[in-house]
């Protein structure tokens, strides 16, 4: 279940990256063929990510854990891709915020101990 949810986040961030490339003048230029091909690939990649997400939901006992794993994976990978490939700036404050979001998501997804009160 965790593997499928991780793959869902991975494919989601890759789909976003391909979507960003459709607007990049240095990639597309004036070619509608390249633009359309990138859009088709983006839809296919996002569909593949949805497939993995649905499989993770099917394997899980609740919907929170796959959602958290997928969202955290997508968030971190999108940030790393932006920094490494698109020369986007990510300050220390951004990374601290990303870490806090992931910690919060992990707290939401953790298993709860049910205590019986008599």
C-alpha atoms as a PDB file:
ATOM      1  CA  UNK A   1       0.000   0.000   0.000  1.00  0.00           C
ATOM      2  CA  UNK A   2       2.794   2.430   0.864  1.00  0.00           C
ATOM      3  CA  UNK A   3       4.631   1.603  -2.355  1.00  0.00           C
ATOM      4  CA  UNK A   4       1.544   2.283  -4.480  1.00  0.00           C
ATOM      5  CA  UNK A   5       0.875   5.550  -2.630  1.00  0.00           C
ATOM      6  CA  UNK A   6       4.503   6.606  -3.088  1.00  0.00           C
ATOM      7  CA  UNK A   7       4.259   5.853  -6.813  1.00  0.00           C
ATOM      8  CA  UNK A   8       1.048   7.892  -7.002  1.00  0.00           C
ATOM      9  CA  UNK A   9       2.903  10.892  -5.574  1.00  0.00           C
ATOM     10  CA  UNK A  10       5.868  10.288  -7.864  1.00  0.00           C
ATOM     11  CA  UNK A  11       3.727  10.153 -11.024  1.00  0.00           C
ATOM     12  CA  UNK A  12       1.760  13.178  -9.859  1.00  0.00           C
ATOM     13  CA  UNK A  13       4.889  15.304  -9.510  1.00  0.00           C
ATOM     14  CA  UNK A  14       6.191  14.034 -12.852  1.00  0.00           C
ATOM     15  CA  UNK A  15       2.872  14.952 -14.500  1.00  0.00           C
ATOM     16  CA  UNK A  16       3.118  18.452 -13.048  1.00  0.00           C
ATOM     17  CA  UNK A  17       6.647  18.763 -14.383  1.00  0.00           C
ATOM     18  CA  UNK A  18       5.568  17.741 -17.881  1.00  0.00           C
ATOM     19  CA  UNK A  19       2.682  20.202 -17.639  1.00  0.00           C
ATOM     20  CA  UNK A  20       5.144  22.949 -16.793  1.00  0.00           C
ATOM     21  CA  UNK A  21       7.246  22.011 -19.820  1.00  0.00           C
ATOM     22  CA  UNK A  22       4.262  22.656 -22.121  1.00  0.00           C
ATOM     23  CA  UNK A  23       4.607  26.344 -21.315  1.00  0.00           C
ATOM     24  CA  UNK A  24       8.384  26.451 -21.704  1.00  0.00           C
ATOM     25  CA  UNK A  25       9.324  28.411 -24.803  1.00  0.00           C
ATOM     26  CA  UNK A  26      12.749  26.749 -25.006  1.00  0.00           C
ATOM     27  CA  UNK A  27      11.106  23.300 -25.226  1.00  0.00           C
ATOM     28  CA  UNK A  28       7.972  23.921 -27.282  1.00  0.00           C
ATOM     29  CA  UNK A  29       8.983  26.891 -29.405  1.00  0.00           C
ATOM     30  CA  UNK A  30       6.330  27.484 -32.068  1.00  0.00           C
ATOM     31  CA  UNK A  31       5.518  23.802 -32.524  1.00  0.00           C
ATOM     32  CA  UNK A  32       1.956  22.790 -31.767  1.00  0.00           C
ATOM     33  CA  UNK A  33       2.964  19.164 -32.320  1.00  0.00           C
ATOM     34  CA  UNK A  34       5.451  19.222 -29.409  1.00  0.00           C
ATOM     35  CA  UNK A  35       2.937  21.094 -27.268  1.00  0.00           C
ATOM     36  CA  UNK A  36       0.166  18.568 -28.016  1.00  0.00           C
ATOM     37  CA  UNK A  37       2.518  15.622 -27.478  1.00  0.00           C
ATOM     38  CA  UNK A  38       3.550  16.971 -24.069  1.00  0.00           C
ATOM     39  CA  UNK A  39      -0.083  17.481 -23.107  1.00  0.00           C
ATOM     40  CA  UNK A  40      -0.936  13.908 -24.095  1.00  0.00           C
ATOM     41  CA  UNK A  41       2.034  12.561 -22.137  1.00  0.00           C
ATOM     42  CA  UNK A  42       0.995  14.673 -19.143  1.00  0.00           C
ATOM     43  CA  UNK A  43      -2.529  13.221 -19.204  1.00  0.00           C
ATOM     44  CA  UNK A  44      -1.167   9.679 -19.520  1.00  0.00           C
ATOM     45  CA  UNK A  45       1.295  10.154 -16.650  1.00  0.00           C
ATOM     46  CA  UNK A  46      -1.395  11.638 -14.399  1.00  0.00           C
ATOM     47  CA  UNK A  47      -3.738   8.785 -15.305  1.00  0.00           C
ATOM     48  CA  UNK A  48      -1.020   6.322 -14.333  1.00  0.00           C
ATOM     49  CA  UNK A  49      -0.627   8.173 -11.024  1.00  0.00           C
ATOM     50  CA  UNK A  50      -4.379   7.942 -10.412  1.00  0.00           C
ATOM     51  CA  UNK A  51      -4.174   4.206 -11.078  1.00  0.00           C
ATOM     52  CA  UNK A  52      -1.528   3.794  -8.379  1.00  0.00           C
ATOM     53  CA  UNK A  53      -3.481   5.991  -5.986  1.00  0.00           C
ATOM     54  CA  UNK A  54      -6.642   3.933  -6.442  1.00  0.00           C
ATOM     55  CA  UNK A  55      -4.679   0.729  -5.947  1.00  0.00           C
ATOM     56  CA  UNK A  56      -3.230   2.117  -2.713  1.00  0.00           C
ATOM     57  CA  UNK A  57      -6.728   3.057  -1.540  1.00  0.00           C
ATOM     58  CA  UNK A  58      -7.930  -0.449  -2.352  1.00  0.00           C
ATOM     59  CA  UNK A  59      -5.105  -2.015  -0.315  1.00  0.00           C
ATOM     60  CA  UNK A  60      -5.494   0.274   2.705  1.00  0.00           C
ATOM     61  CA  UNK A  61      -7.847  -0.072   5.622  1.00  0.00           C
ATOM     62  CA  UNK A  62      -8.558   3.674   5.560  1.00  0.00           C
ATOM     63  CA  UNK A  63      -8.180   6.475   3.035  1.00  0.00           C
ATOM     64  CA  UNK A  64      -6.011   8.770   5.159  1.00  0.00           C
ATOM     65  CA  UNK A  65      -2.697   6.917   4.937  1.00  0.00           C
ATOM     66  CA  UNK A  66      -2.510   6.616   1.131  1.00  0.00           C
ATOM     67  CA  UNK A  67      -3.580  10.229   0.778  1.00  0.00           C
ATOM     68  CA  UNK A  68      -0.896  11.407   3.195  1.00  0.00           C
ATOM     69  CA  UNK A  69       1.886   9.332   1.622  1.00  0.00           C
ATOM     70  CA  UNK A  70       0.917  10.412  -1.883  1.00  0.00           C
ATOM     71  CA  UNK A  71       0.598  14.097  -0.976  1.00  0.00           C
ATOM     72  CA  UNK A  72       3.873  14.186   0.950  1.00  0.00           C
ATOM     73  CA  UNK A  73       5.744  12.425  -1.848  1.00  0.00           C
ATOM     74  CA  UNK A  74       4.313  14.735  -4.484  1.00  0.00           C
ATOM     75  CA  UNK A  75       5.045  17.840  -2.425  1.00  0.00           C
ATOM     76  CA  UNK A  76       8.681  16.996  -1.732  1.00  0.00           C
ATOM     77  CA  UNK A  77       9.445  15.711  -5.238  1.00  0.00           C
ATOM     78  CA  UNK A  78       7.816  18.741  -6.870  1.00  0.00           C
ATOM     79  CA  UNK A  79       9.991  20.996  -4.728  1.00  0.00           C
ATOM     80  CA  UNK A  80      13.144  19.059  -5.586  1.00  0.00           C
ATOM     81  CA  UNK A  81      12.315  19.015  -9.299  1.00  0.00           C
ATOM     82  CA  UNK A  82      11.648  22.764  -9.232  1.00  0.00           C
ATOM     83  CA  UNK A  83      14.986  23.467  -7.575  1.00  0.00           C
ATOM     84  CA  UNK A  84      17.075  21.069  -9.675  1.00  0.00           C
ATOM     85  CA  UNK A  85      15.560  21.422 -13.151  1.00  0.00           C
ATOM     86  CA  UNK A  86      13.813  24.788 -13.249  1.00  0.00           C
ATOM     87  CA  UNK A  87      16.276  26.764 -11.138  1.00  0.00           C
ATOM     88  CA  UNK A  88      13.519  27.805  -8.754  1.00  0.00           C
ATOM     89  CA  UNK A  89      14.530  29.189  -5.434  1.00  0.00           C
ATOM     90  CA  UNK A  90      13.645  27.349  -2.255  1.00  0.00           C
ATOM     91  CA  UNK A  91      14.606  29.142   0.894  1.00  0.00           C
ATOM     92  CA  UNK A  92      15.302  27.536   4.228  1.00  0.00           C
ATOM     93  CA  UNK A  93      11.889  28.785   5.324  1.00  0.00           C
ATOM     94  CA  UNK A  94      10.261  26.864   2.435  1.00  0.00           C
ATOM     95  CA  UNK A  95      12.041  23.637   3.444  1.00  0.00           C
ATOM     96  CA  UNK A  96      11.079  24.135   7.100  1.00  0.00           C
ATOM     97  CA  UNK A  97       7.468  24.651   6.006  1.00  0.00           C
ATOM     98  CA  UNK A  98       7.580  21.546   3.813  1.00  0.00           C
ATOM     99  CA  UNK A  99       8.986  19.550   6.716  1.00  0.00           C
ATOM    100  CA  UNK A 100       6.271  20.804   9.058  1.00  0.00           C
ATOM    101  CA  UNK A 101       3.575  19.906   6.532  1.00  0.00           C
ATOM    102  CA  UNK A 102       4.971  16.394   6.165  1.00  0.00           C
ATOM    103  CA  UNK A 103       5.199  15.967   9.936  1.00  0.00           C
ATOM    104  CA  UNK A 104       1.600  17.125  10.237  1.00  0.00           C
ATOM    105  CA  UNK A 105       0.498  14.702   7.548  1.00  0.00           C
ATOM    106  CA  UNK A 106       2.346  11.887   9.313  1.00  0.00           C
ATOM    107  CA  UNK A 107       0.617  12.753  12.583  1.00  0.00           C
ATOM    108  CA  UNK A 108      -2.764  12.660  10.881  1.00  0.00           C
ATOM    109  CA  UNK A 109      -2.011   9.285   9.279  1.00  0.00           C
ATOM    110  CA  UNK A 110      -0.567   7.521  12.309  1.00  0.00           C
ATOM    111  CA  UNK A 111      -2.546   4.631  13.744  1.00  0.00           C
ATOM    112  CA  UNK A 112      -4.653   5.467  16.743  1.00  0.00           C
ATOM    113  CA  UNK A 113      -4.717   3.415  19.910  1.00  0.00           C
ATOM    114  CA  UNK A 114      -8.284   2.866  20.920  1.00  0.00           C
ATOM    115  CA  UNK A 115      -8.735   2.891  24.661  1.00  0.00           C
ATOM    116  CA  UNK A 116     -11.795   1.432  26.272  1.00  0.00           C
ATOM    117  CA  UNK A 117     -13.225   3.329  29.176  1.00  0.00           C
ATOM    118  CA  UNK A 118     -15.249   1.352  31.663  1.00  0.00           C
END
